[in-house]
C-alpha atoms as a PDB file:
ATOM      1  CA  MET A   1     135.798  -4.631  60.101  1.00  0.00           C
ATOM      2  CA  LEU A   2     131.960  -3.338  61.054  1.00  0.00           C
ATOM      3  CA  THR A   3     131.331  -0.237  58.695  1.00  0.00           C
ATOM      4  CA  TYR A   4     128.500   1.850  59.351  1.00  0.00           C
ATOM      5  CA  TYR A   5     127.241   3.662  56.091  1.00  0.00           C
ATOM      6  CA  ASN A   6     125.688   6.734  55.716  1.00  0.00           C
ATOM      7  CA  HIS A   7     122.586   5.843  53.402  1.00  0.00           C
ATOM      8  CA  LEU A   8     121.717   9.672  53.091  1.00  0.00           C
ATOM      9  CA  HIS A   9     125.218  10.922  52.255  1.00  0.00           C
ATOM     10  CA  SER A  10     124.252  11.687  48.393  1.00  0.00           C
ATOM     11  CA  ASP A  11     121.313  14.211  49.733  1.00  0.00           C
ATOM     12  CA  HIS A  12     124.392  16.454  50.039  1.00  0.00           C
ATOM     13  CA  GLU A  13     125.509  17.012  46.268  1.00  0.00           C
ATOM     14  CA  GLY A  14     126.744  20.469  46.116  1.00  0.00           C
ATOM     15  CA  LYS A  15     127.148  22.294  42.255  1.00  0.00           C
ATOM     16  CA  VAL A  16     130.047  24.458  42.510  1.00  0.00           C
ATOM     17  CA  GLU A  17     132.723  25.658  45.183  1.00  0.00           C
ATOM     18  CA  MET A  18     134.824  28.607  45.386  1.00  0.00           C
ATOM     19  CA  PHE A  19     138.894  26.830  44.760  1.00  0.00           C
ATOM     20  CA  ARG A  20     141.478  29.209  44.308  1.00  0.00           C
ATOM     21  CA  GLY A  21     139.596  32.367  43.123  1.00  0.00           C
ATOM     22  CA  ALA A  22     136.848  30.488  40.797  1.00  0.00           C
ATOM     23  CA  LEU A  23     133.801  28.577  41.102  1.00  0.00           C
ATOM     24  CA  VAL A  24     134.380  25.384  40.125  1.00  0.00           C
ATOM     25  CA  PRO A  25     132.583  22.121  40.061  1.00  0.00           C
ATOM     26  CA  CYS A  26     132.423  20.376  43.483  1.00  0.00           C
ATOM     27  CA  PHE A  27     135.326  17.889  44.367  1.00  0.00           C
ATOM     28  CA  GLU A  28     133.657  16.572  47.442  1.00  0.00           C
ATOM     29  CA  VAL A  29     131.097  14.275  45.646  1.00  0.00           C
ATOM     30  CA  PRO A  30     128.816  11.423  46.158  1.00  0.00           C
ATOM     31  CA  ALA A  31     130.652   9.173  43.902  1.00  0.00           C
ATOM     32  CA  ARG A  32     133.353   8.981  46.849  1.00  0.00           C
ATOM     33  CA  VAL A  33     131.540   7.339  49.220  1.00  0.00           C
ATOM     34  CA  ASP A  34     130.445   4.788  46.408  1.00  0.00           C
ATOM     35  CA  ARG A  35     133.296   3.674  45.468  1.00  0.00           C
ATOM     36  CA  VAL A  36     134.411   2.939  48.792  1.00  0.00           C
ATOM     37  CA  LEU A  37     131.351   0.963  49.523  1.00  0.00           C
ATOM     38  CA  ALA A  38     131.826  -0.907  46.299  1.00  0.00           C
ATOM     39  CA  GLU A  39     135.260  -1.887  47.234  1.00  0.00           C
ATOM     40  CA  LEU A  40     134.070  -2.991  50.703  1.00  0.00           C
ATOM     41  CA  LYS A  41     131.611  -5.490  49.241  1.00  0.00           C
ATOM     42  CA  LYS A  42     133.740  -6.408  46.344  1.00  0.00           C
ATOM     43  CA  ARG A  43     136.626  -7.437  48.994  1.00  0.00           C
ATOM     44  CA  LYS A  44     133.637  -8.664  51.527  1.00  0.00           C
ATOM     45  CA  LEU A  45     135.560  -6.970  54.302  1.00  0.00           C
ATOM     46  CA  GLY A  46     133.220  -7.286  57.150  1.00  0.00           C
ATOM     47  CA  THR A  47     129.535  -6.346  57.766  1.00  0.00           C
ATOM     48  CA  VAL A  48     127.818  -2.884  56.544  1.00  0.00           C
ATOM     49  CA  LEU A  49     125.294  -1.465  58.602  1.00  0.00           C
ATOM     50  CA  PRO A  50     123.302   1.432  58.895  1.00  0.00           C
ATOM     51  CA  PRO A  51     123.572   3.738  62.078  1.00  0.00           C
ATOM     52  CA  ASN A  52     121.848   3.669  65.105  1.00  0.00           C
ATOM     53  CA  PRO A  53     119.642   6.588  65.768  1.00  0.00           C
ATOM     54  CA  PHE A  54     120.990   8.963  67.872  1.00  0.00           C
ATOM     55  CA  ASP A  55     118.971  11.832  69.418  1.00  0.00           C
ATOM     56  CA  ASP A  56     120.302  15.726  68.828  1.00  0.00           C
ATOM     57  CA  SER A  57     121.760  16.015  72.238  1.00  0.00           C
ATOM     58  CA  ALA A  58     124.372  13.522  71.406  1.00  0.00           C
ATOM     59  CA  LEU A  59     126.200  16.533  69.174  1.00  0.00           C
ATOM     60  CA  LEU A  60     125.817  18.835  71.947  1.00  0.00           C
ATOM     61  CA  GLY A  61     129.503  17.691  73.557  1.00  0.00           C
ATOM     62  CA  VAL A  62     131.065  18.921  70.552  1.00  0.00           C
ATOM     63  CA  HIS A  63     128.881  21.487  69.004  1.00  0.00           C
ATOM     64  CA  SER A  64     127.181  24.594  70.351  1.00  0.00           C
ATOM     65  CA  GLN A  65     123.354  24.693  70.021  1.00  0.00           C
ATOM     66  CA  ARG A  66     123.204  28.085  68.056  1.00  0.00           C
ATOM     67  CA  TYR A  67     125.353  26.258  65.599  1.00  0.00           C
ATOM     68  CA  LEU A  68     123.159  23.133  65.488  1.00  0.00           C
ATOM     69  CA  ASP A  69     120.066  25.258  65.158  1.00  0.00           C
ATOM     70  CA  PHE A  70     121.399  27.382  62.203  1.00  0.00           C
ATOM     71  CA  LEU A  71     122.615  24.220  59.972  1.00  0.00           C
ATOM     72  CA  ARG A  72     119.044  22.804  61.153  1.00  0.00           C
ATOM     73  CA  ASP A  73     117.002  25.420  59.598  1.00  0.00           C
ATOM     74  CA  ALA A  74     119.830  27.016  57.041  1.00  0.00           C
ATOM     75  CA  TRP A  75     118.031  25.796  53.884  1.00  0.00           C
ATOM     76  CA  ASP A  76     114.949  26.869  54.682  1.00  0.00           C
ATOM     77  CA  ASP A  77     115.934  30.261  55.941  1.00  0.00           C
ATOM     78  CA  TRP A  78     117.924  30.419  52.332  1.00  0.00           C
ATOM     79  CA  VAL A  79     114.778  29.372  50.378  1.00  0.00           C
ATOM     80  CA  ALA A  80     112.634  31.870  52.249  1.00  0.00           C
ATOM     81  CA  LEU A  81     114.756  34.993  51.142  1.00  0.00           C
ATOM     82  CA  ASP A  82     113.830  34.343  47.729  1.00  0.00           C
ATOM     83  CA  PRO A  83     112.076  30.885  46.202  1.00  0.00           C
ATOM     84  CA  ALA A  84     114.172  30.884  43.381  1.00  0.00           C
ATOM     85  CA  ASN A  85     117.387  29.679  45.719  1.00  0.00           C
ATOM     86  CA  ALA A  86     115.574  26.456  45.623  1.00  0.00           C
ATOM     87  CA  LYS A  87     117.771  26.017  42.232  1.00  0.00           C
ATOM     88  CA  ARG A  88     120.756  27.211  44.354  1.00  0.00           C
ATOM     89  CA  ASP A  89     123.209  25.998  46.875  1.00  0.00           C
ATOM     90  CA  ALA A  90     123.842  28.703  49.520  1.00  0.00           C
ATOM     91  CA  LEU A  91     127.735  29.909  49.757  1.00  0.00           C
ATOM     92  CA  PRO A  92     129.178  32.627  52.457  1.00  0.00           C
ATOM     93  CA  SER A  93     130.238  35.709  51.113  1.00  0.00           C
ATOM     94  CA  VAL A  94     130.697  37.782  54.481  1.00  0.00           C
ATOM     95  CA  TRP A  95     133.056  36.573  57.664  1.00  0.00           C
ATOM     96  CA  PRO A  96     133.314  38.432  61.259  1.00  0.00           C
ATOM     97  CA  VAL A  97     137.091  38.424  61.160  1.00  0.00           C
ATOM     98  CA  ARG A  98     139.658  40.537  63.424  1.00  0.00           C
ATOM     99  CA  THR A  99     137.812  43.289  65.103  1.00  0.00           C
ATOM    100  CA  LEU A 100     134.190  42.304  63.754  1.00  0.00           C
ATOM    101  CA  ARG A 101     131.996  40.996  66.700  1.00  0.00           C
ATOM    102  CA  SER A 102     130.619  37.558  66.501  1.00  0.00           C
ATOM    103  CA  ASP A 103     128.986  37.518  69.934  1.00  0.00           C
ATOM    104  CA  VAL A 104     125.775  38.516  68.229  1.00  0.00           C
ATOM    105  CA  LEU A 105     123.359  36.225  66.377  1.00  0.00           C
ATOM    106  CA  PRO A 106     122.259  38.338  63.209  1.00  0.00           C
ATOM    107  CA  ASP A 107     119.106  38.198  62.074  1.00  0.00           C
ATOM    108  CA  ASN A 108     120.244  38.836  58.185  1.00  0.00           C
ATOM    109  CA  PHE A 109     120.756  34.954  56.607  1.00  0.00           C
ATOM    110  CA  ALA A 110     123.619  35.978  54.792  1.00  0.00           C
ATOM    111  CA  ALA A 111     125.454  37.251  57.973  1.00  0.00           C
ATOM    112  CA  ARG A 112     124.389  34.317  60.102  1.00  0.00           C
ATOM    113  CA  MET A 113     125.569  31.930  57.213  1.00  0.00           C
ATOM    114  CA  GLY A 114     128.998  34.028  57.456  1.00  0.00           C
ATOM    115  CA  LEU A 115     129.326  33.806  61.348  1.00  0.00           C
ATOM    116  CA  PHE A 116     128.939  29.992  61.038  1.00  0.00           C
ATOM    117  CA  SER A 117     131.273  29.047  58.093  1.00  0.00           C
ATOM    118  CA  MET A 118     135.272  29.786  57.605  1.00  0.00           C
ATOM    119  CA  ASP A 119     135.315  29.493  53.708  1.00  0.00           C
ATOM    120  CA  ALA A 120     133.412  29.551  50.340  1.00  0.00           C
ATOM    121  CA  GLY A 121     134.255  26.295  49.013  1.00  0.00           C
ATOM    122  CA  SER A 122     131.727  24.537  51.265  1.00  0.00           C
ATOM    123  CA  PRO A 123     127.898  24.906  49.333  1.00  0.00           C
ATOM    124  CA  LEU A 124     125.381  24.239  51.681  1.00  0.00           C
ATOM    125  CA  THR A 125     122.418  22.421  50.067  1.00  0.00           C
ATOM    126  CA  ASP A 126     118.752  21.228  50.791  1.00  0.00           C
ATOM    127  CA  GLY A 127     120.337  17.883  52.058  1.00  0.00           C
ATOM    128  CA  THR A 128     123.234  19.151  53.711  1.00  0.00           C
ATOM    129  CA  TRP A 129     121.530  18.722  57.178  1.00  0.00           C
ATOM    130  CA  ASP A 130     120.329  15.264  56.647  1.00  0.00           C
ATOM    131  CA  ALA A 131     123.467  13.733  55.236  1.00  0.00           C
ATOM    132  CA  ALA A 132     125.610  15.696  57.771  1.00  0.00           C
ATOM    133  CA  ARG A 133     123.331  14.163  60.843  1.00  0.00           C
ATOM    134  CA  ALA A 134     123.042  10.825  59.442  1.00  0.00           C
ATOM    135  CA  GLY A 135     127.027  10.899  59.392  1.00  0.00           C
ATOM    136  CA  ALA A 136     126.876  11.745  63.032  1.00  0.00           C
ATOM    137  CA  ASP A 137     124.971   8.902  63.544  1.00  0.00           C
ATOM    138  CA  CYS A 138     127.643   6.633  61.675  1.00  0.00           C
ATOM    139  CA  ALA A 139     130.281   8.226  63.771  1.00  0.00           C
ATOM    140  CA  LEU A 140     128.496   7.774  66.775  1.00  0.00           C
ATOM    141  CA  SER A 141     127.774   3.988  66.462  1.00  0.00           C
ATOM    142  CA  ALA A 142     130.942   3.207  65.285  1.00  0.00           C
ATOM    143  CA  ALA A 143     132.448   4.931  68.484  1.00  0.00           C
ATOM    144  CA  LEU A 144     129.910   2.936  70.839  1.00  0.00           C
ATOM    145  CA  ALA A 145     130.503  -0.503  68.950  1.00  0.00           C
ATOM    146  CA  VAL A 146     134.311   0.018  69.734  1.00  0.00           C
ATOM    147  CA  ALA A 147     133.583   1.092  73.430  1.00  0.00           C
ATOM    148  CA  GLY A 148     131.249  -2.369  73.483  1.00  0.00           C
ATOM    149  CA  GLY A 149     134.345  -4.461  72.691  1.00  0.00           C
ATOM    150  CA  LYS A 150     134.869  -4.383  68.623  1.00  0.00           C
ATOM    151  CA  ARG A 151     138.416  -4.301  67.579  1.00  0.00           C
ATOM    152  CA  ALA A 152     137.525  -1.698  65.035  1.00  0.00           C
ATOM    153  CA  ALA A 153     134.538   0.361  63.173  1.00  0.00           C
ATOM    154  CA  PHE A 154     134.464   2.436  60.273  1.00  0.00           C
ATOM    155  CA  ALA A 155     132.068   5.705  59.660  1.00  0.00           C
ATOM    156  CA  LEU A 156     131.458   5.365  55.940  1.00  0.00           C
ATOM    157  CA  THR A 157     130.029   9.090  55.361  1.00  0.00           C
ATOM    158  CA  ARG A 158     130.316  12.579  53.492  1.00  0.00           C
ATOM    159  CA  PRO A 159     130.186  15.097  53.987  1.00  0.00           C
ATOM    160  CA  PRO A 160     133.572  14.805  55.663  1.00  0.00           C
ATOM    161  CA  GLY A 161     133.977  16.444  59.204  1.00  0.00           C
ATOM    162  CA  HIS A 162     137.461  17.134  60.531  1.00  0.00           C
ATOM    163  CA  HIS A 163     137.249  21.276  59.299  1.00  0.00           C
ATOM    164  CA  ALA A 164     134.059  21.488  61.361  1.00  0.00           C
ATOM    165  CA  GLY A 165     134.679  23.340  64.532  1.00  0.00           C
ATOM    166  CA  ALA A 166     132.372  23.582  67.474  1.00  0.00           C
ATOM    167  CA  ASP A 167     130.477  26.421  65.849  1.00  0.00           C
ATOM    168  CA  PHE A 168     131.410  26.249  62.296  1.00  0.00           C
ATOM    169  CA  PHE A 169     131.704  24.938  58.828  1.00  0.00           C
ATOM    170  CA  GLY A 170     134.172  24.915  56.173  1.00  0.00           C
ATOM    171  CA  GLY A 171     136.526  22.709  54.080  1.00  0.00           C
ATOM    172  CA  TYR A 172     133.334  20.757  52.972  1.00  0.00           C
ATOM    173  CA  CYS A 173     132.775  20.055  56.890  1.00  0.00           C
ATOM    174  CA  PHE A 174     129.599  20.767  58.779  1.00  0.00           C
ATOM    175  CA  LEU A 175     129.622  18.226  61.702  1.00  0.00           C
ATOM    176  CA  ASN A 176     132.701  16.795  63.358  1.00  0.00           C
ATOM    177  CA  ASN A 177     132.666  13.010  63.190  1.00  0.00           C
ATOM    178  CA  ALA A 178     135.976  12.508  64.456  1.00  0.00           C
ATOM    179  CA  ALA A 179     135.251  14.662  67.563  1.00  0.00           C
ATOM    180  CA  LEU A 180     131.959  13.308  68.121  1.00  0.00           C
ATOM    181  CA  ALA A 181     133.633   9.819  67.882  1.00  0.00           C
ATOM    182  CA  ALA A 182     136.091  10.686  70.837  1.00  0.00           C
ATOM    183  CA  GLN A 183     133.892  12.561  72.849  1.00  0.00           C
ATOM    184  CA  ALA A 184     131.552   9.331  72.928  1.00  0.00           C
ATOM    185  CA  LEU A 185     134.141   7.195  73.884  1.00  0.00           C
ATOM    186  CA  ARG A 186     135.202   9.681  76.445  1.00  0.00           C
ATOM    187  CA  GLU A 187     131.493   9.480  77.650  1.00  0.00           C
ATOM    188  CA  GLN A 188     131.521   5.744  77.452  1.00  0.00           C
ATOM    189  CA  GLY A 189     134.117   6.067  80.389  1.00  0.00           C
ATOM    190  CA  LEU A 190     137.378   5.679  78.393  1.00  0.00           C
ATOM    191  CA  GLU A 191     139.831   8.263  80.274  1.00  0.00           C
ATOM    192  CA  ARG A 192     142.498   8.737  77.497  1.00  0.00           C
ATOM    193  CA  VAL A 193     141.498   9.108  73.610  1.00  0.00           C
ATOM    194  CA  ALA A 194     143.737   9.810  70.933  1.00  0.00           C
ATOM    195  CA  ILE A 195     142.845  11.162  67.787  1.00  0.00           C
ATOM    196  CA  LEU A 196     145.302  10.579  64.799  1.00  0.00           C
ATOM    197  CA  ASP A 197     144.372  12.730  61.362  1.00  0.00           C
ATOM    198  CA  ILE A 198     146.142  11.536  58.368  1.00  0.00           C
ATOM    199  CA  ASP A 199     144.272  13.616  55.853  1.00  0.00           C
ATOM    200  CA  TYR A 200     146.342  15.624  53.718  1.00  0.00           C
ATOM    201  CA  HIS A 201     144.907  18.966  55.238  1.00  0.00           C
ATOM    202  CA  HIS A 202     145.147  19.858  58.974  1.00  0.00           C
ATOM    203  CA  GLY A 203     141.944  18.943  60.797  1.00  0.00           C
ATOM    204  CA  ASN A 204     141.703  22.204  62.207  1.00  0.00           C
ATOM    205  CA  GLY A 205     138.101  21.934  63.872  1.00  0.00           C
ATOM    206  CA  THR A 206     139.432  18.870  65.839  1.00  0.00           C
ATOM    207  CA  GLN A 207     141.989  20.792  67.077  1.00  0.00           C
ATOM    208  CA  ALA A 208     139.825  23.565  68.209  1.00  0.00           C
ATOM    209  CA  ILE A 209     137.339  21.672  69.885  1.00  0.00           C
ATOM    210  CA  PHE A 210     139.950  19.866  71.868  1.00  0.00           C
ATOM    211  CA  TYR A 211     142.719  22.263  72.411  1.00  0.00           C
ATOM    212  CA  GLU A 212     142.149  23.058  76.061  1.00  0.00           C
ATOM    213  CA  ARG A 213     141.722  19.418  76.833  1.00  0.00           C
ATOM    214  CA  ALA A 214     143.894  16.768  78.578  1.00  0.00           C
ATOM    215  CA  ASP A 215     141.486  13.624  77.746  1.00  0.00           C
ATOM    216  CA  VAL A 216     141.706  13.927  74.049  1.00  0.00           C
ATOM    217  CA  PHE A 217     145.394  13.819  72.237  1.00  0.00           C
ATOM    218  CA  TYR A 218     145.151  15.352  68.569  1.00  0.00           C
ATOM    219  CA  THR A 219     147.972  14.452  66.426  1.00  0.00           C
ATOM    220  CA  SER A 220     147.861  15.327  62.452  1.00  0.00           C
ATOM    221  CA  ILE A 221     150.062  14.801  59.871  1.00  0.00           C
ATOM    222  CA  HIS A 222     149.405  16.861  56.877  1.00  0.00           C
ATOM    223  CA  GLY A 223     150.542  19.388  54.231  1.00  0.00           C
ATOM    224  CA  ASP A 224     152.279  22.553  55.379  1.00  0.00           C
ATOM    225  CA  PRO A 225     149.814  25.083  56.329  1.00  0.00           C
ATOM    226  CA  SER A 226     152.350  27.750  54.979  1.00  0.00           C
ATOM    227  CA  THR A 227     150.698  26.944  51.457  1.00  0.00           C
ATOM    228  CA  GLU A 228     148.047  24.271  52.204  1.00  0.00           C
ATOM    229  CA  PHE A 229     144.510  24.261  53.080  1.00  0.00           C
ATOM    230  CA  PRO A 230     143.446  25.304  56.098  1.00  0.00           C
ATOM    231  CA  PHE A 231     146.213  27.654  56.113  1.00  0.00           C
ATOM    232  CA  TYR A 232     145.636  29.592  59.391  1.00  0.00           C
ATOM    233  CA  LEU A 233     146.270  26.367  61.918  1.00  0.00           C
ATOM    234  CA  GLY A 234     148.321  23.197  61.714  1.00  0.00           C
ATOM    235  CA  TYR A 235     151.955  24.676  62.656  1.00  0.00           C
ATOM    236  CA  ALA A 236     153.946  22.730  64.752  1.00  0.00           C
ATOM    237  CA  ASP A 237     154.297  24.880  67.394  1.00  0.00           C
ATOM    238  CA  GLU A 238     150.509  24.406  68.206  1.00  0.00           C
ATOM    239  CA  LEU A 239     150.905  22.095  71.110  1.00  0.00           C
ATOM    240  CA  GLY A 240     147.573  22.955  73.195  1.00  0.00           C
ATOM    241  CA  ALA A 241     146.354  25.330  75.582  1.00  0.00           C
ATOM    242  CA  GLY A 242     145.689  25.441  79.649  1.00  0.00           C
ATOM    243  CA  ALA A 243     144.715  21.796  80.763  1.00  0.00           C
ATOM    244  CA  GLY A 244     145.277  20.647  76.981  1.00  0.00           C
ATOM    245  CA  LEU A 245     149.095  22.106  76.892  1.00  0.00           C
ATOM    246  CA  GLY A 246     151.058  19.241  75.267  1.00  0.00           C
ATOM    247  CA  PHE A 247     148.217  17.359  74.359  1.00  0.00           C
ATOM    248  CA  ASN A 248     147.834  18.462  70.874  1.00  0.00           C
ATOM    249  CA  ARG A 249     150.828  17.727  68.180  1.00  0.00           C
ATOM    250  CA  ASN A 250     150.909  18.824  64.534  1.00  0.00           C
ATOM    251  CA  TRP A 251     153.513  16.904  61.852  1.00  0.00           C
ATOM    252  CA  PRO A 252     153.212  19.490  58.963  1.00  0.00           C
ATOM    253  CA  LEU A 253     155.242  18.134  55.977  1.00  0.00           C
ATOM    254  CA  PRO A 254     156.144  19.594  52.323  1.00  0.00           C
ATOM    255  CA  ARG A 255     154.332  19.099  49.445  1.00  0.00           C
ATOM    256  CA  GLY A 256     155.921  16.444  47.179  1.00  0.00           C
ATOM    257  CA  SER A 257     156.324  14.331  50.303  1.00  0.00           C
ATOM    258  CA  GLY A 258     156.308  10.781  49.866  1.00  0.00           C
ATOM    259  CA  PHE A 259     155.892   7.565  51.526  1.00  0.00           C
ATOM    260  CA  GLU A 260     159.089   6.940  53.030  1.00  0.00           C
ATOM    261  CA  VAL A 261     158.990  10.528  54.961  1.00  0.00           C
ATOM    262  CA  TRP A 262     155.350  10.349  55.485  1.00  0.00           C
ATOM    263  CA  HIS A 263     155.524   6.741  57.183  1.00  0.00           C
ATOM    264  CA  ALA A 264     158.123   7.580  59.486  1.00  0.00           C
ATOM    265  CA  THR A 265     156.203  10.605  60.653  1.00  0.00           C
ATOM    266  CA  LEU A 266     153.254   8.372  60.905  1.00  0.00           C
ATOM    267  CA  GLN A 267     155.418   6.548  63.289  1.00  0.00           C
ATOM    268  CA  GLN A 268     156.660   9.648  65.526  1.00  0.00           C
ATOM    269  CA  ALA A 269     153.036  10.476  65.835  1.00  0.00           C
ATOM    270  CA  LEU A 270     152.128   6.872  66.999  1.00  0.00           C
ATOM    271  CA  GLN A 271     154.935   7.004  69.762  1.00  0.00           C
ATOM    272  CA  GLY A 272     152.864  10.195  71.069  1.00  0.00           C
ATOM    273  CA  ILE A 273     150.210   8.524  70.923  1.00  0.00           C
ATOM    274  CA  ALA A 274     152.069   5.961  72.879  1.00  0.00           C
ATOM    275  CA  GLU A 275     153.413   8.127  75.817  1.00  0.00           C
ATOM    276  CA  PHE A 276     149.692   9.375  76.294  1.00  0.00           C
ATOM    277  CA  ASP A 277     148.610   6.243  76.987  1.00  0.00           C
ATOM    278  CA  ALA A 278     145.442   6.252  75.050  1.00  0.00           C
ATOM    279  CA  GLN A 279     142.931   3.594  75.597  1.00  0.00           C
ATOM    280  CA  ALA A 280     141.359   3.842  72.101  1.00  0.00           C
ATOM    281  CA  LEU A 281     142.220   5.913  68.819  1.00  0.00           C
ATOM    282  CA  VAL A 282     139.775   7.529  66.235  1.00  0.00           C
ATOM    283  CA  VAL A 283     141.479   7.978  62.651  1.00  0.00           C
ATOM    284  CA  SER A 284     140.567  10.765  60.546  1.00  0.00           C
ATOM    285  CA  LEU A 285     141.088   8.613  57.377  1.00  0.00           C
ATOM    286  CA  GLY A 286     141.913  11.185  54.539  1.00  0.00           C
ATOM    287  CA  VAL A 287     143.492   9.087  51.280  1.00  0.00           C
ATOM    288  CA  ASP A 288     144.177  12.413  49.740  1.00  0.00           C
ATOM    289  CA  THR A 289     147.537  11.941  50.509  1.00  0.00           C
ATOM    290  CA  PHE A 290     147.349  10.068  47.104  1.00  0.00           C
ATOM    291  CA  ALA A 291     149.922  10.737  44.325  1.00  0.00           C
ATOM    292  CA  GLY A 292     147.085  11.426  41.763  1.00  0.00           C
ATOM    293  CA  ASP A 293     144.583  13.694  44.439  1.00  0.00           C
ATOM    294  CA  PRO A 294     143.747  16.873  42.707  1.00  0.00           C
ATOM    295  CA  VAL A 295     143.326  19.138  45.516  1.00  0.00           C
ATOM    296  CA  ALA A 296     146.670  17.681  47.863  1.00  0.00           C
ATOM    297  CA  GLY A 297     150.456  17.369  47.148  1.00  0.00           C
ATOM    298  CA  PHE A 298     151.903  14.126  48.347  1.00  0.00           C
ATOM    299  CA  THR A 299     152.938  11.477  46.391  1.00  0.00           C
ATOM    300  CA  LEU A 300     151.627   8.232  48.188  1.00  0.00           C
ATOM    301  CA  GLN A 301     151.174   5.186  46.002  1.00  0.00           C
ATOM    302  CA  THR A 302     148.007   2.678  46.155  1.00  0.00           C
ATOM    303  CA  PRO A 303     149.944  -0.227  47.396  1.00  0.00           C
ATOM    304  CA  ASP A 304     151.370   2.146  50.421  1.00  0.00           C
ATOM    305  CA  TYR A 305     147.739   2.285  52.025  1.00  0.00           C
ATOM    306  CA  LEU A 306     147.766  -1.535  53.244  1.00  0.00           C
ATOM    307  CA  GLN A 307     151.095  -0.502  54.852  1.00  0.00           C
ATOM    308  CA  VAL A 308     149.318   2.410  56.635  1.00  0.00           C
ATOM    309  CA  GLY A 309     146.457  -0.094  57.901  1.00  0.00           C
ATOM    310  CA  LYS A 310     149.429  -2.319  59.580  1.00  0.00           C
ATOM    311  CA  THR A 311     151.141   0.452  61.067  1.00  0.00           C
ATOM    312  CA  LEU A 312     147.933   1.296  62.622  1.00  0.00           C
ATOM    313  CA  ALA A 313     147.163  -1.978  63.848  1.00  0.00           C
ATOM    314  CA  GLN A 314     150.410  -2.213  65.729  1.00  0.00           C
ATOM    315  CA  THR A 315     148.723   0.073  68.386  1.00  0.00           C
ATOM    316  CA  ASN A 316     146.863  -2.883  69.749  1.00  0.00           C
ATOM    317  CA  LEU A 317     144.266  -0.106  70.297  1.00  0.00           C
ATOM    318  CA  PRO A 318     140.105  -0.396  69.621  1.00  0.00           C
ATOM    319  CA  THR A 319     140.113   1.960  66.756  1.00  0.00           C
ATOM    320  CA  VAL A 320     137.472   4.075  65.179  1.00  0.00           C
ATOM    321  CA  PHE A 321     137.991   5.280  61.534  1.00  0.00           C
ATOM    322  CA  VAL A 322     135.879   8.047  60.244  1.00  0.00           C
ATOM    323  CA  PHE A 323     136.322   8.693  56.548  1.00  0.00           C
ATOM    324  CA  GLU A 324     137.394  12.206  55.469  1.00  0.00           C
ATOM    325  CA  GLY A 325     138.888  13.276  52.286  1.00  0.00           C
ATOM    326  CA  GLY A 326     140.186  11.559  49.286  1.00  0.00           C
ATOM    327  CA  TYR A 327     139.365  13.584  45.615  1.00  0.00           C
ATOM    328  CA  ALA A 328     140.803  10.883  43.106  1.00  0.00           C
ATOM    329  CA  VAL A 329     137.043   9.458  42.608  1.00  0.00           C
ATOM    330  CA  ALA A 330     138.662   6.553  40.599  1.00  0.00           C
ATOM    331  CA  GLU A 331     141.209   5.788  43.668  1.00  0.00           C
ATOM    332  CA  VAL A 332     139.522   6.547  46.407  1.00  0.00           C
ATOM    333  CA  GLY A 333     137.731   3.302  47.151  1.00  0.00           C
ATOM    334  CA  VAL A 334     140.744   1.141  46.541  1.00  0.00           C
ATOM    335  CA  ASN A 335     142.908   3.095  48.576  1.00  0.00           C
ATOM    336  CA  THR A 336     140.470   3.184  51.589  1.00  0.00           C
ATOM    337  CA  VAL A 337     139.704  -0.166  51.786  1.00  0.00           C
ATOM    338  CA  ASN A 338     143.693  -0.595  51.314  1.00  0.00           C
ATOM    339  CA  VAL A 339     144.104   0.737  54.729  1.00  0.00           C
ATOM    340  CA  LEU A 340     141.220  -0.900  56.691  1.00  0.00           C
ATOM    341  CA  GLN A 341     142.225  -4.382  54.971  1.00  0.00           C
ATOM    342  CA  GLY A 342     145.799  -3.886  56.050  1.00  0.00           C
ATOM    343  CA  PHE A 343     144.653  -3.016  59.553  1.00  0.00           C
ATOM    344  CA  ASP A 344     142.691  -6.225  59.719  1.00  0.00           C
ATOM    345  CA  GLN A 345     145.247  -8.529  58.486  1.00  0.00           C
ATOM    346  CA  GLN A 346     147.706  -7.020  61.081  1.00  0.00           C
ATOM    347  CA  ALA A 347     145.348  -7.214  63.996  1.00  0.00           C
ATOM    348  CA  VAL A 348     144.937 -11.089  62.625  1.00  0.00           C
ATOM    349  CA  VAL A 349     148.494 -11.384  63.163  1.00  0.00           C
ATOM    350  CA  ASN A 350     148.384  -9.404  66.489  1.00  0.00           C
ATOM    351  CA  LYS A 351     146.105 -11.708  67.830  1.00  0.00           C
ATOM    352  CA  GLU A 352     147.472 -14.892  66.593  1.00  0.00           C
ATOM    353  CA  SER A 353     151.125 -13.970  68.279  1.00  0.00           C
ATOM    354  CA  ALA A 354     149.498 -12.681  71.806  1.00  0.00           C
END
């Protein structure tokens, strides 16, 4: 397993987030990636490298220019409003929903922040852009490694990405790393790329980015959005639109679902990927499906993640893993690396039996 590690991830460290109507300490913390990195080194699971640098133009296949301009300048604009803001994270407080216009770019910073966000749970800090930008480099580096012949590569980064859309942030996500990886694989000449999202929360941003495209198949197993974040996307009847009709498949499961049901659903999702005849796979690797996760509701146990990895390897597809959620900090390293180790073990078996 080749890992690209975001050495700037800890530059993004929010103080508080809005969670179920209250301001609480952030669940998405630097220790998440620190635990995964420590476990990778403990098990000596492959090589850990810094990402290769990419020009910002590499982001434009997924994100809009005006959104990237906003993110790049947001902290400076926030502090320019009031020097005291340098000691406070920025959180949005107004959104252009339903009949309100979103085509006009307001001069007011609070209005712009609302225009480019979906919730008040994703604090923007002085290091958010640098951390998210380096994370994009990790995802792009992993994709190019796989396109170049590596069996698998892992983008170990935070903030996560799958809730970020083409022109908005939310759900702790600012740049969509899985989408960037998939788009990079396409630009390297692969005609059909699949994205499998196994985070507890539906990757609404990833779905939206590819919803009208037939070259990228998106499928997700997640908590039922009628009760679980992001609430407004992730239902089973969302099948794609236009050229993308039939290339989107969601598998919402009720809170409390255990590994037996979850794993059976995974096999159904993988069958869809096989029918798509994907040439490469991008996995949005969230381990907030763990029973002890504080913001989720499935009941997977630590040993289950070894089997998850083995099952994923049975696709025999070149695979890019992108780190997403997982907020039981004490267990996040072991659970994540179990997936990667299970994948590596099964990949060896596949090779020997070929």
